[in-house]
Amino acid sequence: MSISHIRHELSQLETHLRKEIGALAEINQVSLDTEASSLCEIIEVLTKANLCDHPLFFKLTKLDAAICQLDIGLYGLCSDCESEIEPERLAKDPIEQRCSHCAEQHEHEHRQELRLTH
C-alpha cells in the first residue's frame, strides 16, 4: 500500500470521525467546531468534557497517532515492540497501533486490570 493511499484512507476516516464527534459534542452540550479545530484541539476539548472513555475518543487518538507516524515514517510499526504490523491488520484497520502478538498481550493485561478494579 502506497503512502498516498494510506494518507487518503486516514483522511476519509478523519472526515467520518469529525462528523461523529460533532454529533457526540452536540449531544453532550460541548462547544466544538470539528471542522476548524485540529485533531489535538478536539482531543483536548473532549478530555476536558470527560469523554475520554468514549469509543470515538479512542479512535480519534489512534487516528492522530497514525497520522503522526505516517508523517515521520514510522507508520505500520507496532507501538510496543516496533516490529511491522501485519499488512492484513492494517488493511482491516488502518489506525491499528499494535502487531497481533502485542495486541493480544495488551488485551490480556487490560482484562487483568479490569478484574483487579472490580
Protein backbone atom coordinates (compact mmCIF):
# COMPACT_ATOMS: atom_id res chain seq x y z
CA MET A 1 0.00 0.00 0.00
CA SER A 2 1.43 3.38 -1.00
CA ILE A 3 1.79 6.32 1.36
CA SER A 4 -0.68 8.36 -0.72
CA HIS A 5 -3.23 5.53 -0.47
CA ILE A 6 -2.73 5.30 3.31
CA ARG A 7 -2.99 9.08 3.66
CA HIS A 8 -6.22 9.01 1.63
CA GLU A 9 -7.71 6.26 3.85
CA LEU A 10 -6.74 8.15 7.00
CA SER A 11 -8.22 11.35 5.59
CA GLN A 12 -11.53 9.62 4.86
CA LEU A 13 -11.57 8.17 8.35
CA GLU A 14 -10.82 11.61 9.80
CA THR A 15 -13.73 13.17 7.91
CA HIS A 16 -16.09 10.46 9.17
CA LEU A 17 -14.82 10.74 12.76
CA ARG A 18 -15.14 14.53 12.77
CA LYS A 19 -18.85 14.17 11.85
CA GLU A 20 -19.45 11.56 14.57
CA ILE A 21 -17.57 13.61 17.15
CA GLY A 22 -19.55 16.70 16.17
CA ALA A 23 -22.75 14.78 16.94
CA LEU A 24 -21.26 13.50 20.22
CA ALA A 25 -20.28 17.04 21.23
CA GLU A 26 -23.75 18.32 20.43
CA ILE A 27 -25.43 15.55 22.49
CA ASN A 28 -23.12 16.31 25.41
CA GLN A 29 -23.55 20.08 25.00
CA VAL A 30 -19.86 20.60 24.33
CA SER A 31 -18.86 23.61 22.28
CA LEU A 32 -16.66 22.26 19.49
CA ASP A 33 -16.08 23.27 15.88
CA THR A 34 -14.89 19.95 14.48
CA GLU A 35 -14.30 21.41 11.02
CA ALA A 36 -11.97 24.22 12.09
CA SER A 37 -10.23 22.51 15.01
CA SER A 38 -7.09 20.41 14.75
CA LEU A 39 -7.18 16.83 16.00
CA CYS A 40 -5.14 17.90 19.03
CA GLU A 41 -7.67 20.62 19.84
CA ILE A 42 -10.56 18.18 19.50
CA ILE A 43 -8.78 15.69 21.78
CA GLU A 44 -8.20 18.47 24.34
CA VAL A 45 -11.86 19.58 24.30
CA LEU A 46 -13.12 16.00 24.65
CA THR A 47 -10.68 15.40 27.50
CA LYS A 48 -11.91 18.50 29.36
CA ALA A 49 -15.50 17.30 28.78
CA ASN A 50 -14.65 13.95 30.43
CA LEU A 51 -15.37 11.99 27.25
CA CYS A 52 -12.07 10.07 27.28
CA ASP A 53 -13.83 6.75 27.83
CA HIS A 54 -15.98 7.12 24.73
CA PRO A 55 -15.04 4.79 21.81
CA LEU A 56 -14.88 7.78 19.44
CA PHE A 57 -12.22 9.39 21.62
CA PHE A 58 -10.18 6.19 21.45
CA LYS A 59 -10.50 6.07 17.65
CA LEU A 60 -9.54 9.74 17.40
CA THR A 61 -6.35 9.28 19.42
CA LYS A 62 -5.41 6.24 17.31
CA LEU A 63 -6.04 8.26 14.14
CA ASP A 64 -3.90 11.13 15.42
CA ALA A 65 -1.10 8.67 16.24
CA ALA A 66 -1.34 7.02 12.81
CA ILE A 67 -1.13 10.38 11.01
CA CYS A 68 1.89 11.41 13.11
CA GLN A 69 3.56 8.05 12.44
CA LEU A 70 2.94 8.42 8.71
CA ASP A 71 4.46 11.92 8.77
CA ILE A 72 7.67 10.72 10.46
CA GLY A 73 7.99 7.47 8.53
CA LEU A 74 7.00 5.08 11.32
CA TYR A 75 3.54 4.12 10.09
CA GLY A 76 2.91 0.40 10.31
CA LEU A 77 5.31 -0.23 13.20
CA CYS A 78 3.99 -1.65 16.46
CA SER A 79 3.85 0.94 19.22
CA ASP A 80 5.05 -1.67 21.73
CA CYS A 81 7.73 -3.81 20.08
CA GLU A 82 8.41 -1.68 16.95
CA SER A 83 8.03 -4.71 14.66
CA GLU A 84 6.00 -4.34 11.49
CA ILE A 85 2.27 -4.63 12.00
CA GLU A 86 0.88 -7.38 9.79
CA PRO A 87 -0.43 -5.92 6.49
CA GLU A 88 -3.77 -7.70 6.91
CA ARG A 89 -4.24 -5.99 10.31
CA LEU A 90 -3.57 -2.58 8.74
CA ALA A 91 -5.84 -3.39 5.79
CA LYS A 92 -8.63 -4.22 8.26
CA ASP A 93 -7.92 -1.19 10.48
CA PRO A 94 -5.53 1.47 9.11
CA ILE A 95 -5.18 3.07 12.56
CA GLU A 96 -4.03 -0.16 14.23
CA GLN A 97 -1.18 0.52 16.64
CA ARG A 98 -0.04 -2.98 17.61
CA CYS A 99 1.05 -6.19 15.93
CA SER A 100 -1.13 -9.22 16.67
CA HIS A 101 1.22 -10.54 19.36
CA CYS A 102 1.39 -7.25 21.27
CA ALA A 103 -2.35 -6.62 20.80
CA GLU A 104 -3.11 -10.00 22.36
CA GLN A 105 -0.72 -9.31 25.22
CA HIS A 106 -2.18 -5.83 25.77
CA GLU A 107 -5.73 -7.20 25.77
CA HIS A 108 -4.77 -9.89 28.28
CA GLU A 109 -3.11 -7.34 30.58
CA HIS A 110 -6.05 -4.97 30.26
CA ARG A 111 -8.50 -7.74 31.22
CA GLN A 112 -6.38 -8.38 34.31
CA GLU A 113 -6.55 -4.68 35.22
CA LEU A 114 -10.34 -4.70 34.89
CA ARG A 115 -10.61 -7.72 37.18
CA LEU A 116 -8.47 -6.01 39.80
CA THR A 117 -10.61 -2.88 39.84
CA HIS A 118 -13.92 -4.72 40.32
